[in-house]
Amino acid sequence: MLILSRRVNEKIMIGEDISVSIIEVRGDQVRLGVDAPKNVKVFRQEVFDAIKAENKAAAESRAVFPELDFGAEREPL
């Protein structure tokens, strides 16, 4: 892991297309601004983890179909 020190209004570049700006530091909170191309998804870690869990649950679930019996004779109405 690369550890960097930055001050307010300073940036970190990730490749050529993504920049992370330090917007504000207040106590133990840091506000960041992320500038990235629209095709790059940027999430907070907890949101990313929730999305992964939902995708995993959806992939593991089984589709439930009603039982169909096309060969059975119908009872008269």
N, C-alpha and C. Protein backbone atom coordinates (compact mmCIF):
# COMPACT_ATOMS: atom_id res chain seq x y z
N MET A 1 0.85 -1.18 0.00
CA MET A 1 0.00 0.00 0.00
C MET A 1 0.89 1.24 0.00
N LEU A 2 0.60 2.13 -0.89
CA LEU A 2 1.29 3.40 -0.95
C LEU A 2 0.62 4.37 0.03
N ILE A 3 1.38 5.00 0.87
CA ILE A 3 0.83 5.97 1.83
C ILE A 3 1.40 7.34 1.48
N LEU A 4 0.50 8.30 1.28
CA LEU A 4 0.89 9.65 0.89
C LEU A 4 0.34 10.67 1.87
N SER A 5 1.06 11.76 2.03
CA SER A 5 0.56 12.88 2.81
C SER A 5 0.18 13.99 1.84
N ARG A 6 -0.99 14.55 2.02
CA ARG A 6 -1.48 15.62 1.17
C ARG A 6 -2.15 16.66 2.05
N ARG A 7 -2.22 17.88 1.55
CA ARG A 7 -2.92 18.96 2.24
C ARG A 7 -4.15 19.34 1.42
N VAL A 8 -5.00 20.16 2.02
CA VAL A 8 -6.20 20.63 1.33
C VAL A 8 -5.80 21.27 0.00
N ASN A 9 -6.58 20.99 -1.03
CA ASN A 9 -6.39 21.46 -2.40
C ASN A 9 -5.26 20.77 -3.15
N GLU A 10 -4.61 19.78 -2.55
CA GLU A 10 -3.61 18.99 -3.26
C GLU A 10 -4.28 17.76 -3.83
N LYS A 11 -3.66 17.17 -4.86
CA LYS A 11 -4.26 16.04 -5.56
C LYS A 11 -3.32 14.85 -5.58
N ILE A 12 -3.93 13.71 -5.83
CA ILE A 12 -3.22 12.47 -6.11
C ILE A 12 -3.71 12.01 -7.47
N MET A 13 -2.81 11.63 -8.35
CA MET A 13 -3.19 11.14 -9.67
C MET A 13 -3.09 9.62 -9.70
N ILE A 14 -4.11 8.99 -10.28
CA ILE A 14 -4.11 7.55 -10.50
C ILE A 14 -4.14 7.36 -12.01
N GLY A 15 -3.04 6.93 -12.57
CA GLY A 15 -2.92 6.89 -14.02
C GLY A 15 -3.00 8.31 -14.56
N GLU A 16 -3.50 8.44 -15.77
CA GLU A 16 -3.61 9.77 -16.39
C GLU A 16 -5.01 10.34 -16.31
N ASP A 17 -6.00 9.50 -15.97
CA ASP A 17 -7.39 9.92 -16.07
C ASP A 17 -8.10 10.14 -14.74
N ILE A 18 -7.51 9.73 -13.64
CA ILE A 18 -8.21 9.79 -12.36
C ILE A 18 -7.41 10.65 -11.38
N SER A 19 -8.10 11.62 -10.79
CA SER A 19 -7.45 12.43 -9.75
C SER A 19 -8.31 12.41 -8.49
N VAL A 20 -7.63 12.40 -7.37
CA VAL A 20 -8.28 12.44 -6.07
C VAL A 20 -7.81 13.71 -5.38
N SER A 21 -8.74 14.60 -5.06
CA SER A 21 -8.42 15.89 -4.44
C SER A 21 -8.80 15.87 -2.97
N ILE A 22 -7.97 16.50 -2.16
CA ILE A 22 -8.30 16.68 -0.75
C ILE A 22 -9.12 17.97 -0.67
N ILE A 23 -10.39 17.83 -0.32
CA ILE A 23 -11.30 18.98 -0.29
C ILE A 23 -11.28 19.65 1.08
N GLU A 24 -11.32 18.83 2.13
CA GLU A 24 -11.43 19.40 3.48
C GLU A 24 -10.94 18.36 4.48
N VAL A 25 -10.30 18.85 5.53
CA VAL A 25 -9.92 18.00 6.66
C VAL A 25 -10.52 18.64 7.90
N ARG A 26 -11.35 17.87 8.60
CA ARG A 26 -12.00 18.39 9.80
C ARG A 26 -11.96 17.30 10.87
N GLY A 27 -11.13 17.47 11.87
CA GLY A 27 -10.99 16.45 12.92
C GLY A 27 -10.47 15.15 12.32
N ASP A 28 -11.24 14.07 12.50
CA ASP A 28 -10.80 12.78 11.97
C ASP A 28 -11.48 12.44 10.64
N GLN A 29 -12.10 13.45 10.01
CA GLN A 29 -12.75 13.23 8.71
C GLN A 29 -12.00 13.97 7.62
N VAL A 30 -11.91 13.31 6.48
CA VAL A 30 -11.31 13.91 5.29
C VAL A 30 -12.33 13.84 4.17
N ARG A 31 -12.59 14.95 3.51
CA ARG A 31 -13.48 14.97 2.35
C ARG A 31 -12.62 14.92 1.10
N LEU A 32 -12.94 13.96 0.25
CA LEU A 32 -12.19 13.75 -0.99
C LEU A 32 -13.07 14.05 -2.19
N GLY A 33 -12.46 14.52 -3.23
CA GLY A 33 -13.14 14.67 -4.51
C GLY A 33 -12.47 13.74 -5.51
N VAL A 34 -13.26 12.97 -6.24
CA VAL A 34 -12.72 12.03 -7.21
C VAL A 34 -13.17 12.47 -8.59
N ASP A 35 -12.21 12.69 -9.48
CA ASP A 35 -12.51 13.04 -10.86
C ASP A 35 -12.03 11.88 -11.72
N ALA A 36 -13.00 11.18 -12.33
CA ALA A 36 -12.69 10.00 -13.12
C ALA A 36 -13.61 9.96 -14.34
N PRO A 37 -13.19 9.25 -15.39
CA PRO A 37 -14.06 9.10 -16.56
C PRO A 37 -15.37 8.43 -16.17
N LYS A 38 -16.43 8.68 -16.93
CA LYS A 38 -17.75 8.13 -16.61
C LYS A 38 -17.78 6.61 -16.62
N ASN A 39 -16.88 5.98 -17.38
CA ASN A 39 -16.88 4.52 -17.44
C ASN A 39 -16.18 3.88 -16.23
N VAL A 40 -15.61 4.69 -15.35
CA VAL A 40 -14.96 4.18 -14.14
C VAL A 40 -15.93 4.35 -12.98
N LYS A 41 -16.30 3.24 -12.36
CA LYS A 41 -17.22 3.29 -11.23
C LYS A 41 -16.44 3.58 -9.95
N VAL A 42 -16.94 4.53 -9.17
CA VAL A 42 -16.30 4.91 -7.92
C VAL A 42 -17.32 4.75 -6.81
N PHE A 43 -17.01 3.92 -5.80
CA PHE A 43 -17.91 3.65 -4.69
C PHE A 43 -17.18 3.79 -3.37
N ARG A 44 -17.91 4.12 -2.31
CA ARG A 44 -17.37 3.96 -0.96
C ARG A 44 -17.26 2.46 -0.70
N GLN A 45 -16.34 2.05 0.15
CA GLN A 45 -16.09 0.63 0.39
C GLN A 45 -17.35 -0.10 0.86
N GLU A 46 -18.12 0.50 1.77
CA GLU A 46 -19.29 -0.19 2.30
C GLU A 46 -20.37 -0.38 1.22
N VAL A 47 -20.48 0.57 0.30
CA VAL A 47 -21.42 0.43 -0.80
C VAL A 47 -20.94 -0.65 -1.77
N PHE A 48 -19.65 -0.66 -2.06
CA PHE A 48 -19.07 -1.67 -2.94
C PHE A 48 -19.29 -3.07 -2.36
N ASP A 49 -19.07 -3.23 -1.05
CA ASP A 49 -19.27 -4.53 -0.40
C ASP A 49 -20.73 -4.96 -0.47
N ALA A 50 -21.67 -4.02 -0.29
CA ALA A 50 -23.10 -4.35 -0.36
C ALA A 50 -23.49 -4.78 -1.78
N ILE A 51 -22.96 -4.11 -2.78
CA ILE A 51 -23.24 -4.48 -4.16
C ILE A 51 -22.72 -5.88 -4.46
N LYS A 52 -21.49 -6.16 -4.02
CA LYS A 52 -20.91 -7.49 -4.23
C LYS A 52 -21.76 -8.57 -3.56
N ALA A 53 -22.22 -8.30 -2.33
CA ALA A 53 -23.04 -9.28 -1.61
C ALA A 53 -24.37 -9.52 -2.33
N GLU A 54 -25.00 -8.46 -2.82
CA GLU A 54 -26.25 -8.61 -3.56
C GLU A 54 -26.04 -9.39 -4.84
N ASN A 55 -24.96 -9.10 -5.56
CA ASN A 55 -24.68 -9.82 -6.80
C ASN A 55 -24.41 -11.30 -6.52
N LYS A 56 -23.71 -11.58 -5.45
CA LYS A 56 -23.42 -12.98 -5.10
C LYS A 56 -24.71 -13.71 -4.74
N ALA A 57 -25.57 -13.07 -3.95
CA ALA A 57 -26.84 -13.68 -3.56
C ALA A 57 -27.72 -13.93 -4.79
N ALA A 58 -27.73 -12.99 -5.71
CA ALA A 58 -28.55 -13.15 -6.92
C ALA A 58 -28.01 -14.29 -7.78
N ALA A 59 -26.71 -14.42 -7.86
CA ALA A 59 -26.10 -15.48 -8.68
C ALA A 59 -26.35 -16.86 -8.07
N GLU A 60 -26.45 -16.91 -6.75
CA GLU A 60 -26.64 -18.19 -6.06
C GLU A 60 -28.10 -18.59 -5.93
N SER A 61 -29.01 -17.64 -6.13
CA SER A 61 -30.43 -17.96 -5.98
C SER A 61 -30.92 -18.78 -7.16
N ARG A 62 -31.93 -19.55 -6.92
CA ARG A 62 -32.53 -20.37 -7.97
C ARG A 62 -33.85 -19.74 -8.39
N ALA A 63 -34.10 -19.78 -9.67
CA ALA A 63 -35.38 -19.29 -10.17
C ALA A 63 -36.46 -20.29 -9.78
N VAL A 64 -37.58 -19.78 -9.36
CA VAL A 64 -38.71 -20.63 -8.96
C VAL A 64 -39.78 -20.50 -10.03
N PHE A 65 -40.10 -21.63 -10.65
CA PHE A 65 -41.12 -21.66 -11.69
C PHE A 65 -42.29 -22.50 -11.20
N PRO A 66 -43.51 -22.09 -11.51
CA PRO A 66 -44.65 -22.92 -11.12
C PRO A 66 -44.59 -24.25 -11.88
N GLU A 67 -45.10 -25.27 -11.23
CA GLU A 67 -45.08 -26.60 -11.87
C GLU A 67 -46.08 -26.60 -13.02
N LEU A 68 -45.59 -26.97 -14.18
CA LEU A 68 -46.43 -27.00 -15.37
C LEU A 68 -46.58 -28.45 -15.81
N ASP A 69 -47.81 -28.81 -16.18
CA ASP A 69 -48.06 -30.17 -16.64
C ASP A 69 -48.83 -30.06 -17.94
N PHE A 70 -48.10 -30.09 -19.05
CA PHE A 70 -48.72 -29.92 -20.34
C PHE A 70 -49.38 -31.21 -20.86
N GLY A 71 -49.03 -32.35 -20.29
CA GLY A 71 -49.56 -33.62 -20.79
C GLY A 71 -50.78 -34.11 -20.07
N ALA A 72 -51.14 -33.50 -18.99
CA ALA A 72 -52.27 -33.98 -18.19
C ALA A 72 -53.59 -33.57 -18.82
N GLU A 73 -54.58 -34.43 -18.65
CA GLU A 73 -55.92 -34.10 -19.16
C GLU A 73 -56.55 -33.09 -18.22
N ARG A 74 -57.29 -32.20 -18.81
CA ARG A 74 -57.99 -31.20 -18.00
C ARG A 74 -59.33 -31.76 -17.54
N GLU A 75 -59.70 -31.36 -16.34
CA GLU A 75 -61.02 -31.75 -15.86
C GLU A 75 -62.05 -30.83 -16.50
N PRO A 76 -63.20 -31.35 -16.80
CA PRO A 76 -64.26 -30.50 -17.41
C PRO A 76 -64.68 -29.40 -16.45
N LEU A 77 -65.04 -28.26 -17.00
CA LEU A 77 -65.49 -27.12 -16.19
C LEU A 77 -66.89 -27.25 -15.74
